[in-house]
Amino acid sequence: MQPWKIQARSHLSGAWHYRWTGIAVAWIVCLVGWGIFAVVPNQFEAVAKIYIDTDTMMEPLLRGLTVMTDPDQQVSIMLNTLLTRPNLEQVVRLTSPASSALSSAEMAREVQSLQSHTTLRPLGSKNLYELAFSDKNPNRALSVSQTLISIFVDSNIGTKRKDFQGAQSFLDDKVAEYETLVREAEQRRAAFRQANLDVLSNAVTPDSARVEVEKTRQDLGAAQARLSSLQAQLRTIPKVIYVDGPGPIILSSGTSNNASIGGGGSLIQRLAEAKQSLIEMQSKYTDDYPDVKAAKREVAELQKEVAATPPVGAQGVGNQSISNPIYVQTQGKMSDAMTDVAFQYHRYNDALADLQNAKNMTSRAIEVTTKFADLDRDYDLVHKTYQDLISRRESARISQSVNDQQSTINVRVIEPPKKAPFPSAPNRPLINSVILFAGLLCGFLSALALSWNAGRFFVKDQLTAEFDYPVIGVVTRLERGDDAILARRTYRTLAASLLFLFCSYLGVLLVFDSAFRGTLREFL
């Protein structure tokens, strides 16, 4: 036979020899364990499931118009602050009638007890949480759980309302402050502009004044050149034209009796007009210009016709004179040119005066412009801040209005807490079963230990394994009729003892485990 089999057989035989001691140890362990565990109070748990809804229809519609906060961060803050000391002290005052008589140390112990018995854990879905509180009194567990849910819901509403009110008050104060600053800045700008109106309204710079002086000088030079040209032309034009004839000369006569005289007067007028046209063309073009050449040919032809026309007089031969129309026209043009020269000269003097004034005001204009730019910059900064504050105040008002009608975070109680019909802890069937198994194991181990230390041999194989001497034989005790009866009685006693131990186990469950009683009642 193999050695381990020999050992197992010998130990089992020895343990059977001390079976009653093992049964006694098992009973003692089970009774002591069940007795100690029986005084452990039951814990009833009130469980609630909460869903925090952060997805609302108002958020995408009002994006950019209102102040949007991070809902996930708000949810995290609400969860982390639920089990803080002020909230738990409020729970104690609301659920315990004698809380007003508690001292500071007792209140601290109550708060610590609430923290240790309250659990808040997330479930599988996003923003779905389970709030549970356990206590030996099921009514108190239900009351505390309901109070915690109420505080959790009210914390979101109260905090958001306080935040909006604080922000609204702060923005109102700042808007009023900056409104005063804007008005003061406007008054400073208006006073400074009024005091330096001559400098600020003067848009003439030295450079632009120099450009204007140069332009007027050129215009004056052009007017003087035209006047000189007209004066030179006037010196070359005779004042009168002499015509031979004893009678008066009638120019442009249409009668047949004075056809020759009328024809002569008409030629003279045409000649004067042709010369005037030639003079004007020569002032604009060169002598090689085609129109100038044509005008010269026309003047030459008219002079030949005037020379070929015989002077005819009604009363004999004589010299008569008429005013030269070209001379008269040139005098009119020269008068206009002199007026233009005087006007351009006046413009030139005004431009020089503006240049001098611009030079005199340059240093002052730089200082005034710099100061006004500083005032303007300060005003722009204050006014921009004022407009931003007004916009933010309006945004805060809209946000508060939206929050009053629909909160961005909605706390929904998916499963409200209810009074637990059975305790949630301790797990009496499991622990009592463990105690039963531990008692049986301790009884078997005690019997095995006694057989191990007894120093006795229960089978032949123990002798063979222990000594080097060969075993010749074994003397067997003859069984009598009473031995079989005694063995059956022993088996019955052992089975009855184990059965009674198991019945005691069931009795403990029935007495101390209400959940087991309910399950058994439903089964039956």
Protein backbone atom coordinates (compact mmCIF):
# COMPACT_ATOMS: atom_id res chain seq x y z
CA MET A 1 0.00 0.00 0.00
CA GLN A 2 1.23 3.49 -0.79
CA PRO A 3 2.52 5.62 2.13
CA TRP A 4 -0.07 8.41 1.77
CA LYS A 5 -2.86 5.86 1.86
CA ILE A 6 -1.40 4.36 5.00
CA GLN A 7 -1.28 7.79 6.62
CA ALA A 8 -4.82 8.68 5.58
CA ARG A 9 -6.20 5.38 6.84
CA SER A 10 -4.43 5.64 10.14
CA HIS A 11 -5.54 9.26 10.71
CA LEU A 12 -9.16 8.53 9.82
CA SER A 13 -9.16 5.52 12.12
CA GLY A 14 -7.72 7.65 14.93
CA ALA A 15 -10.22 10.45 14.31
CA TRP A 16 -13.08 7.95 14.45
CA HIS A 17 -11.80 6.78 17.79
CA TYR A 18 -12.18 10.40 19.12
CA ARG A 19 -15.44 11.10 17.29
CA TRP A 20 -17.39 12.15 20.37
CA THR A 21 -14.77 14.66 21.31
CA GLY A 22 -14.98 16.07 17.77
CA ILE A 23 -18.79 16.28 17.98
CA ALA A 24 -18.54 18.12 21.27
CA VAL A 25 -16.03 20.61 19.86
CA ALA A 26 -18.27 21.19 16.82
CA TRP A 27 -21.26 21.88 19.06
CA ILE A 28 -19.30 24.24 21.25
CA VAL A 29 -17.91 26.20 18.26
CA CYS A 30 -21.31 26.46 16.58
CA LEU A 31 -23.14 27.50 19.73
CA VAL A 32 -20.53 30.11 20.67
CA GLY A 33 -20.38 31.48 17.10
CA TRP A 34 -24.14 31.63 16.71
CA GLY A 35 -24.52 33.21 20.11
CA ILE A 36 -21.97 35.94 19.40
CA PHE A 37 -23.36 36.63 15.93
CA ALA A 38 -26.92 36.73 17.25
CA VAL A 39 -26.21 39.94 19.19
CA VAL A 40 -25.00 41.71 16.03
CA PRO A 41 -27.85 44.11 15.11
CA ASN A 42 -29.49 44.01 11.72
CA GLN A 43 -28.86 46.82 9.26
CA PHE A 44 -31.73 48.06 7.08
CA GLU A 45 -30.83 49.92 3.91
CA ALA A 46 -32.92 52.53 2.10
CA VAL A 47 -31.78 52.80 -1.51
CA ALA A 48 -32.68 55.48 -4.07
CA LYS A 49 -31.62 55.86 -7.70
CA ILE A 50 -31.03 59.38 -8.99
CA TYR A 51 -30.55 60.58 -12.55
CA ILE A 52 -28.97 63.99 -13.15
CA ASP A 53 -30.13 65.32 -16.51
CA THR A 54 -27.67 67.84 -18.01
CA ASP A 55 -28.96 67.77 -21.61
CA THR A 56 -31.65 70.42 -22.11
CA MET A 57 -33.18 71.96 -25.24
CA MET A 58 -32.45 75.49 -24.02
CA GLU A 59 -28.67 75.11 -24.10
CA PRO A 60 -28.16 74.98 -27.91
CA LEU A 61 -30.82 77.65 -28.46
CA LEU A 62 -29.31 80.16 -26.03
CA ARG A 63 -25.65 79.48 -26.75
CA GLY A 64 -23.89 82.85 -27.04
CA LEU A 65 -26.75 84.78 -25.40
CA THR A 66 -26.47 83.51 -21.86
CA VAL A 67 -23.73 82.48 -19.46
CA MET A 68 -23.21 78.76 -19.92
CA THR A 69 -21.43 76.79 -17.19
CA ASP A 70 -19.94 73.32 -17.36
CA PRO A 71 -22.73 70.93 -16.25
CA ASP A 72 -20.34 68.06 -15.59
CA GLN A 73 -18.35 70.21 -13.19
CA GLN A 74 -21.54 71.28 -11.42
CA VAL A 75 -22.61 67.66 -11.06
CA SER A 76 -19.22 66.77 -9.63
CA ILE A 77 -19.44 69.62 -7.11
CA MET A 78 -22.96 68.61 -6.08
CA LEU A 79 -21.88 65.00 -5.50
CA ASN A 80 -18.75 65.95 -3.58
CA THR A 81 -20.54 68.43 -1.32
CA LEU A 82 -23.54 66.24 -0.49
CA LEU A 83 -21.82 64.41 2.37
CA THR A 84 -20.08 67.45 3.84
CA ARG A 85 -20.44 68.34 7.50
CA PRO A 86 -22.99 71.21 7.12
CA ASN A 87 -25.34 69.03 5.05
CA LEU A 88 -25.06 66.08 7.44
CA GLU A 89 -25.67 68.34 10.45
CA GLN A 90 -28.82 69.53 8.72
CA VAL A 91 -29.82 65.88 8.20
CA VAL A 92 -29.33 65.18 11.92
CA ARG A 93 -31.48 68.16 12.89
CA LEU A 94 -34.24 67.14 10.48
CA THR A 95 -34.32 63.43 11.36
CA SER A 96 -33.50 63.38 15.06
CA PRO A 97 -36.01 64.98 17.46
CA ALA A 98 -33.40 65.28 20.21
CA SER A 99 -30.80 66.93 18.02
CA SER A 100 -31.19 70.28 19.75
CA ALA A 101 -29.87 68.79 22.98
CA LEU A 102 -26.77 67.28 21.38
CA SER A 103 -23.37 68.66 22.32
CA SER A 104 -20.66 69.45 19.80
CA ALA A 105 -18.91 66.11 20.40
CA GLU A 106 -22.17 64.17 20.08
CA MET A 107 -23.07 66.05 16.91
CA ALA A 108 -19.63 65.21 15.48
CA ARG A 109 -20.18 61.52 16.28
CA GLU A 110 -23.60 61.60 14.63
CA VAL A 111 -22.12 63.23 11.52
CA GLN A 112 -19.33 60.66 11.39
CA SER A 113 -21.89 57.85 11.76
CA LEU A 114 -23.92 59.26 8.86
CA GLN A 115 -20.82 59.51 6.68
CA SER A 116 -19.83 55.91 7.41
CA HIS A 117 -23.32 54.52 6.72
CA THR A 118 -24.06 56.55 3.58
CA THR A 119 -22.87 55.43 0.15
CA LEU A 120 -23.16 57.28 -3.16
CA ARG A 121 -21.90 55.32 -6.13
CA PRO A 122 -22.35 55.69 -9.90
CA LEU A 123 -24.17 53.07 -11.89
CA GLY A 124 -23.52 51.93 -15.43
CA SER A 125 -25.20 54.82 -17.27
CA LYS A 126 -23.92 58.37 -17.36
CA ASN A 127 -25.15 60.59 -14.49
CA LEU A 128 -27.08 57.70 -12.92
CA TYR A 129 -26.25 57.28 -9.23
CA GLU A 130 -27.38 55.16 -6.30
CA LEU A 131 -27.79 56.76 -2.87
CA ALA A 132 -28.05 54.33 0.04
CA PHE A 133 -28.17 54.70 3.81
CA SER A 134 -28.14 51.81 6.27
CA ASP A 135 -29.26 51.83 9.89
CA LYS A 136 -30.57 49.35 12.44
CA ASN A 137 -33.88 51.21 12.41
CA PRO A 138 -35.60 50.93 8.99
CA ASN A 139 -37.73 54.02 9.62
CA ARG A 140 -34.68 56.15 10.36
CA ALA A 141 -32.89 54.74 7.31
CA LEU A 142 -35.83 55.79 5.13
CA SER A 143 -36.03 59.25 6.73
CA VAL A 144 -32.31 59.96 6.33
CA SER A 145 -32.32 58.79 2.72
CA GLN A 146 -35.27 61.03 1.84
CA THR A 147 -33.67 64.00 3.59
CA LEU A 148 -30.41 63.52 1.70
CA ILE A 149 -32.28 63.47 -1.61
CA SER A 150 -34.13 66.67 -0.72
CA ILE A 151 -30.88 68.41 0.20
CA PHE A 152 -29.27 67.18 -3.02
CA VAL A 153 -32.10 68.56 -5.16
CA ASP A 154 -32.32 71.86 -3.27
CA SER A 155 -28.57 72.40 -3.37
CA ASN A 156 -28.67 72.80 -7.16
CA ILE A 157 -31.56 75.29 -7.09
CA GLY A 158 -30.30 77.31 -4.16
CA THR A 159 -26.73 77.50 -5.38
CA LYS A 160 -27.69 78.60 -8.88
CA ARG A 161 -30.09 81.25 -7.53
CA LYS A 162 -27.46 82.61 -5.14
CA ASP A 163 -24.86 82.69 -7.92
CA PHE A 164 -27.17 84.61 -10.26
CA GLN A 165 -28.21 87.06 -7.57
CA GLY A 166 -24.62 87.70 -6.58
CA ALA A 167 -23.53 88.17 -10.18
CA GLN A 168 -26.51 90.44 -10.89
CA SER A 169 -25.76 92.62 -7.87
CA PHE A 170 -22.06 92.84 -8.76
CA LEU A 171 -22.81 93.78 -12.37
CA ASP A 172 -25.34 96.44 -11.31
CA ASP A 173 -22.77 98.05 -9.04
CA LYS A 174 -20.10 97.98 -11.72
CA VAL A 175 -22.44 99.36 -14.39
CA ALA A 176 -23.38 102.28 -12.14
CA GLU A 177 -19.69 102.91 -11.36
CA TYR A 178 -18.61 102.86 -14.98
CA GLU A 179 -21.59 104.94 -16.05
CA THR A 180 -20.29 107.70 -13.75
CA LEU A 181 -16.79 107.27 -15.18
CA VAL A 182 -18.11 107.52 -18.75
CA ARG A 183 -19.98 110.73 -18.00
CA GLU A 184 -16.95 112.26 -16.31
CA ALA A 185 -14.78 111.30 -19.29
CA GLU A 186 -17.28 112.84 -21.71
CA GLN A 187 -17.33 116.07 -19.70
CA ARG A 188 -13.52 116.22 -19.70
CA ARG A 189 -13.40 115.67 -23.46
CA ALA A 190 -16.06 118.33 -24.10
CA ALA A 191 -14.31 120.88 -21.84
CA PHE A 192 -10.94 120.24 -23.44
CA ARG A 193 -12.40 120.48 -26.95
CA GLN A 194 -14.12 123.76 -26.08
CA ALA A 195 -10.92 125.22 -24.62
CA ASN A 196 -8.83 124.25 -27.66
CA LEU A 197 -11.42 124.56 -30.40
CA ASP A 198 -9.18 126.75 -32.58
CA VAL A 199 -6.43 124.14 -32.62
CA LEU A 200 -8.62 121.07 -32.96
CA SER A 201 -10.78 122.58 -35.71
CA ASN A 202 -7.73 123.71 -37.72
CA ALA A 203 -7.13 121.06 -40.34
CA VAL A 204 -4.33 123.00 -42.13
CA THR A 205 -0.87 121.57 -41.65
CA PRO A 206 2.41 123.29 -42.67
CA ASP A 207 2.87 120.80 -45.50
CA SER A 208 -0.61 121.36 -46.92
CA ALA A 209 -0.17 125.13 -46.49
CA ARG A 210 3.10 125.01 -48.47
CA VAL A 211 1.36 123.06 -51.22
CA GLU A 212 -1.42 125.67 -51.32
CA VAL A 213 1.15 128.52 -51.45
CA GLU A 214 2.95 126.90 -54.33
CA LYS A 215 -0.32 126.34 -56.19
CA THR A 216 -1.49 129.95 -55.73
CA ARG A 217 1.95 131.20 -56.77
CA GLN A 218 1.71 129.24 -59.98
CA ASP A 219 -1.83 130.52 -60.60
CA LEU A 220 -0.66 134.09 -59.95
CA GLY A 221 2.26 133.65 -62.38
CA ALA A 222 -0.09 132.29 -65.06
CA ALA A 223 -2.48 135.27 -64.59
CA GLN A 224 0.39 137.76 -64.76
CA ALA A 225 1.74 136.10 -67.92
CA ARG A 226 -1.67 136.34 -69.59
CA LEU A 227 -1.96 140.01 -68.61
CA SER A 228 1.49 140.77 -70.05
CA SER A 229 0.53 138.98 -73.27
CA LEU A 230 -2.66 141.03 -73.62
CA GLN A 231 -0.77 144.25 -72.90
CA ALA A 232 1.75 143.41 -75.64
CA GLN A 233 -1.09 142.65 -78.06
CA LEU A 234 -2.84 145.89 -77.19
CA ARG A 235 0.26 147.91 -78.00
CA THR A 236 0.35 146.47 -81.51
CA ILE A 237 -3.33 147.13 -82.26
CA PRO A 238 -4.34 150.66 -83.52
CA LYS A 239 -7.08 152.38 -81.61
CA VAL A 240 -8.87 153.68 -84.82
CA ILE A 241 -9.14 152.65 -88.44
CA TYR A 242 -9.03 155.40 -91.17
CA VAL A 243 -11.30 155.13 -94.17
CA ASP A 244 -11.16 157.47 -97.22
CA GLY A 245 -14.49 159.09 -98.21
CA PRO A 246 -16.26 162.45 -97.92
CA GLY A 247 -19.40 161.06 -96.30
CA PRO A 248 -20.02 158.98 -93.25
CA ILE A 249 -19.16 155.35 -93.37
CA ILE A 250 -22.11 153.04 -92.81
CA LEU A 251 -21.04 149.61 -91.80
CA SER A 252 -23.15 146.58 -92.61
CA SER A 253 -25.62 148.59 -94.75
CA GLY A 254 -28.14 146.45 -96.59
CA THR A 255 -29.43 149.03 -99.26
CA SER A 256 -28.48 148.82 -102.90
CA ASN A 257 -27.42 152.50 -103.11
CA ASN A 258 -24.68 151.99 -100.54
CA ALA A 259 -23.63 148.56 -101.63
CA SER A 260 -20.03 149.51 -102.25
CA ILE A 261 -19.71 151.40 -98.98
CA GLY A 262 -21.47 148.62 -97.13
CA GLY A 263 -19.22 146.14 -98.84
CA GLY A 264 -16.14 148.15 -97.82
CA GLY A 265 -17.29 148.39 -94.21
CA SER A 266 -18.04 144.70 -94.17
CA LEU A 267 -14.53 143.90 -95.46
CA ILE A 268 -12.98 146.06 -92.75
CA GLN A 269 -14.96 144.30 -90.05
CA ARG A 270 -14.06 140.91 -91.47
CA LEU A 271 -10.42 141.97 -91.60
CA ALA A 272 -10.47 143.09 -87.97
CA GLU A 273 -12.13 139.87 -86.86
CA ALA A 274 -9.66 137.78 -88.86
CA LYS A 275 -6.70 139.61 -87.27
CA GLN A 276 -8.17 139.10 -83.78
CA SER A 277 -8.67 135.39 -84.48
CA LEU A 278 -5.10 135.14 -85.77
CA ILE A 279 -3.75 136.80 -82.61
CA GLU A 280 -5.65 134.37 -80.37
CA MET A 281 -4.41 131.36 -82.33
CA GLN A 282 -0.82 132.57 -82.18
CA SER A 283 -1.07 132.82 -78.40
CA LYS A 284 -2.05 129.15 -78.26
CA TYR A 285 -0.27 127.47 -81.19
CA THR A 286 2.92 127.83 -83.20
CA ASP A 287 3.13 129.40 -86.64
CA ASP A 288 3.31 125.96 -88.26
CA TYR A 289 -0.09 124.95 -86.93
CA PRO A 290 -2.53 124.48 -89.88
CA ASP A 291 -5.22 126.74 -88.41
CA VAL A 292 -2.65 129.54 -87.88
CA LYS A 293 -1.53 129.26 -91.50
CA ALA A 294 -5.15 129.33 -92.72
CA ALA A 295 -5.85 132.44 -90.60
CA LYS A 296 -2.77 134.19 -92.06
CA ARG A 297 -3.95 133.46 -95.61
CA GLU A 298 -7.42 134.78 -94.79
CA VAL A 299 -5.95 138.03 -93.35
CA ALA A 300 -3.75 138.50 -96.46
CA GLU A 301 -6.68 137.97 -98.83
CA LEU A 302 -8.88 140.42 -96.90
CA GLN A 303 -6.12 143.05 -96.94
CA LYS A 304 -5.83 142.67 -100.72
CA GLU A 305 -9.60 143.06 -101.11
CA VAL A 306 -9.66 146.17 -98.91
CA ALA A 307 -6.76 147.69 -100.86
CA ALA A 308 -8.46 146.91 -104.19
CA THR A 309 -11.77 148.49 -103.20
CA PRO A 310 -11.96 152.15 -104.49
CA PRO A 311 -13.01 154.71 -101.86
CA VAL A 312 -16.35 156.23 -102.92
CA GLY A 313 -17.76 159.32 -101.22
CA ALA A 314 -21.04 161.19 -101.76
CA GLN A 315 -19.37 164.58 -101.31
CA GLY A 316 -15.89 164.10 -102.70
CA VAL A 317 -12.61 162.67 -101.25
CA GLY A 318 -11.73 162.94 -97.49
CA ASN A 319 -10.27 160.97 -94.50
CA GLN A 320 -12.64 159.42 -91.92
CA SER A 321 -11.84 157.20 -88.90
CA ILE A 322 -13.70 154.54 -86.80
CA SER A 323 -12.88 152.81 -83.52
CA ASN A 324 -11.00 149.57 -83.95
CA PRO A 325 -13.23 146.77 -82.62
CA ILE A 326 -10.21 144.51 -82.02
CA TYR A 327 -8.68 147.11 -79.76
CA VAL A 328 -11.91 147.41 -77.81
CA GLN A 329 -12.17 143.62 -77.40
CA THR A 330 -8.54 143.36 -76.31
CA GLN A 331 -9.10 146.09 -73.72
CA GLY A 332 -12.02 144.07 -72.25
CA LYS A 333 -9.91 140.95 -72.05
CA MET A 334 -7.08 142.88 -70.45
CA SER A 335 -9.49 144.25 -67.84
CA ASP A 336 -10.59 140.68 -67.00
CA ALA A 337 -6.95 139.62 -66.82
CA MET A 338 -6.12 142.43 -64.38
CA THR A 339 -9.05 141.38 -62.19
CA ASP A 340 -7.82 137.78 -62.26
CA VAL A 341 -4.31 138.91 -61.32
CA ALA A 342 -5.66 140.83 -58.34
CA PHE A 343 -7.73 137.83 -57.27
CA GLN A 344 -4.79 135.41 -57.56
CA TYR A 345 -2.59 137.84 -55.68
CA HIS A 346 -5.15 137.93 -52.88
CA ARG A 347 -5.21 134.13 -52.80
CA TYR A 348 -1.44 134.04 -52.67
CA ASN A 349 -1.38 136.40 -49.68
CA ASP A 350 -4.02 134.32 -47.89
CA ALA A 351 -2.00 131.16 -48.51
CA LEU A 352 1.10 132.82 -47.08
CA ALA A 353 -0.89 133.89 -44.02
CA ASP A 354 -2.23 130.34 -43.55
CA LEU A 355 1.30 128.97 -43.83
CA GLN A 356 2.56 131.36 -41.21
CA ASN A 357 -0.39 130.55 -38.93
CA ALA A 358 0.18 126.81 -39.37
CA LYS A 359 3.85 127.23 -38.45
CA ASN A 360 2.93 129.23 -35.37
CA MET A 361 0.36 126.62 -34.20
CA THR A 362 2.46 123.53 -34.92
CA SER A 363 4.03 123.16 -31.45
CA ARG A 364 0.76 123.92 -29.67
CA ALA A 365 -1.20 121.62 -31.98
CA ILE A 366 1.13 118.71 -31.16
CA GLU A 367 0.68 119.20 -27.42
CA VAL A 368 -3.09 119.67 -27.68
CA THR A 369 -3.50 116.69 -30.02
CA THR A 370 -1.47 114.47 -27.68
CA LYS A 371 -3.54 115.45 -24.66
CA PHE A 372 -6.79 114.99 -26.57
CA ALA A 373 -5.62 111.59 -27.82
CA ASP A 374 -4.95 110.55 -24.21
CA LEU A 375 -8.41 111.73 -23.19
CA ASP A 376 -9.94 109.97 -26.16
CA ARG A 377 -8.06 106.75 -25.38
CA ASP A 378 -9.19 106.80 -21.75
CA TYR A 379 -12.75 107.48 -22.85
CA ASP A 380 -12.69 104.63 -25.38
CA LEU A 381 -11.37 102.20 -22.76
CA VAL A 382 -13.93 103.20 -20.14
CA HIS A 383 -16.75 103.25 -22.68
CA LYS A 384 -15.82 99.80 -24.02
CA THR A 385 -15.75 98.36 -20.51
CA TYR A 386 -19.10 100.01 -19.81
CA GLN A 387 -20.65 98.46 -22.93
CA ASP A 388 -19.21 95.05 -22.02
CA LEU A 389 -20.67 95.30 -18.51
CA ILE A 390 -24.10 96.21 -19.90
CA SER A 391 -23.95 93.24 -22.27
CA ARG A 392 -22.91 90.88 -19.50
CA ARG A 393 -25.61 92.20 -17.19
CA GLU A 394 -28.23 91.55 -19.86
CA SER A 395 -26.77 88.09 -20.40
CA ALA A 396 -26.98 87.45 -16.65
CA ARG A 397 -30.62 88.55 -16.62
CA ILE A 398 -31.48 86.21 -19.46
CA SER A 399 -29.60 83.39 -17.74
CA GLN A 400 -31.49 83.98 -14.49
CA SER A 401 -34.78 84.06 -16.37
CA VAL A 402 -33.91 80.79 -18.12
CA ASN A 403 -32.87 79.21 -14.82
CA ASP A 404 -36.13 80.30 -13.15
CA GLN A 405 -38.15 78.65 -15.92
CA GLN A 406 -35.93 75.64 -16.63
CA SER A 407 -32.76 74.66 -14.82
CA THR A 408 -29.77 73.49 -16.81
CA ILE A 409 -29.45 70.56 -14.38
CA ASN A 410 -32.54 68.53 -13.53
CA VAL A 411 -32.33 65.98 -10.72
CA ARG A 412 -34.78 63.15 -11.25
CA VAL A 413 -35.46 60.49 -8.64
CA ILE A 414 -35.78 57.39 -10.77
CA GLU A 415 -36.42 55.07 -7.82
CA PRO A 416 -37.43 56.73 -4.54
CA PRO A 417 -36.30 55.14 -1.27
CA LYS A 418 -38.66 52.85 0.57
CA LYS A 419 -38.72 51.12 3.90
CA ALA A 420 -36.69 47.93 3.77
CA PRO A 421 -38.80 44.88 4.74
CA PHE A 422 -35.70 42.76 5.39
CA PRO A 423 -32.26 43.65 6.69
CA SER A 424 -29.51 44.11 4.17
CA ALA A 425 -26.73 43.24 6.58
CA PRO A 426 -25.35 41.14 8.07
CA ASN A 427 -25.81 38.18 5.74
CA ARG A 428 -26.97 35.77 8.42
CA PRO A 429 -27.54 32.68 6.23
CA LEU A 430 -24.04 32.91 4.86
CA ILE A 431 -22.30 33.67 8.16
CA ASN A 432 -24.29 31.08 10.12
CA SER A 433 -23.45 28.55 7.41
CA VAL A 434 -19.81 29.48 7.73
CA ILE A 435 -20.03 29.04 11.51
CA LEU A 436 -21.61 25.58 11.01
CA PHE A 437 -18.91 24.56 8.57
CA ALA A 438 -16.23 25.96 10.89
CA GLY A 439 -17.67 23.99 13.84
CA LEU A 440 -17.65 20.75 11.88
CA LEU A 441 -14.14 21.43 10.65
CA CYS A 442 -12.94 22.23 14.16
CA GLY A 443 -14.50 19.02 15.50
CA PHE A 444 -12.80 16.92 12.82
CA LEU A 445 -9.47 18.65 13.33
CA SER A 446 -9.66 18.22 17.10
CA ALA A 447 -10.34 14.48 16.74
CA LEU A 448 -7.51 14.23 14.24
CA ALA A 449 -5.15 16.10 16.55
CA LEU A 450 -6.00 13.85 19.50
CA SER A 451 -5.35 10.74 17.42
CA TRP A 452 -2.09 12.21 16.22
CA ASN A 453 -0.79 12.80 19.74
CA ALA A 454 -2.21 9.64 21.30
CA GLY A 455 0.85 7.46 20.50
CA ARG A 456 -1.32 4.48 19.52
CA PHE A 457 -1.38 2.32 16.42
CA PHE A 458 -4.73 1.73 14.86
CA VAL A 459 -3.74 -0.34 11.78
CA LYS A 460 -1.02 -2.87 10.95
CA ASP A 461 0.47 -0.63 8.34
CA GLN A 462 1.39 1.87 11.07
CA LEU A 463 3.58 -0.78 12.72
CA THR A 464 5.21 -1.71 9.45
CA ALA A 465 5.92 1.92 8.66
CA GLU A 466 7.12 2.75 12.17
CA PHE A 467 9.42 -0.20 12.93
CA ASP A 468 12.00 -2.08 10.86
CA TYR A 469 10.90 -5.42 12.19
CA PRO A 470 8.63 -7.59 10.08
CA VAL A 471 5.09 -8.06 11.33
CA ILE A 472 4.35 -11.75 11.42
CA GLY A 473 0.62 -11.43 12.11
CA VAL A 474 -2.18 -9.50 13.77
CA VAL A 475 -4.43 -10.75 16.51
CA THR A 476 -7.98 -9.84 15.59
CA ARG A 477 -10.67 -9.30 18.17
CA LEU A 478 -13.70 -11.40 17.51
CA GLU A 479 -16.89 -9.48 17.00
CA ARG A 480 -19.82 -10.42 19.15
CA GLY A 481 -23.51 -9.88 18.50
CA ASP A 482 -23.54 -6.94 20.87
CA ASP A 483 -20.80 -5.24 18.87
CA ALA A 484 -23.01 -4.85 15.80
CA ILE A 485 -25.80 -3.44 17.93
CA LEU A 486 -23.37 -1.08 19.60
CA ALA A 487 -21.99 0.01 16.25
CA ARG A 488 -25.46 0.74 14.87
CA ARG A 489 -26.30 2.62 18.04
CA THR A 490 -23.11 4.61 17.66
CA TYR A 491 -23.95 5.46 14.06
CA ARG A 492 -27.43 6.52 15.02
CA THR A 493 -26.19 8.65 17.86
CA LEU A 494 -23.63 10.31 15.63
CA ALA A 495 -26.18 10.95 12.87
CA ALA A 496 -28.72 12.24 15.39
CA SER A 497 -26.12 14.57 16.86
CA LEU A 498 -25.25 15.94 13.44
CA LEU A 499 -28.91 16.18 12.49
CA PHE A 500 -29.74 18.02 15.68
CA LEU A 501 -26.82 20.37 14.97
CA PHE A 502 -28.25 21.08 11.53
CA CYS A 503 -31.71 21.63 13.00
CA SER A 504 -30.19 24.05 15.47
CA TYR A 505 -28.68 25.84 12.50
CA LEU A 506 -32.12 26.12 10.88
CA GLY A 507 -33.59 27.31 14.15
CA VAL A 508 -31.03 30.06 14.42
CA LEU A 509 -31.92 31.18 10.91
CA LEU A 510 -35.62 31.17 11.69
CA VAL A 511 -35.20 33.11 14.91
CA PHE A 512 -32.68 35.74 13.89
CA ASP A 513 -33.09 36.11 10.11
CA SER A 514 -36.35 37.74 9.07
CA ALA A 515 -35.39 37.51 5.40
CA PHE A 516 -35.06 33.74 5.74
CA ARG A 517 -38.43 33.60 7.47
CA GLY A 518 -40.00 35.59 4.62
CA THR A 519 -38.44 33.36 2.00
CA LEU A 520 -39.57 30.25 3.84
CA ARG A 521 -43.05 31.66 4.24
CA GLU A 522 -43.27 32.36 0.52
CA PHE A 523 -41.97 28.88 -0.26
CA LEU A 524 -44.52 27.22 2.00
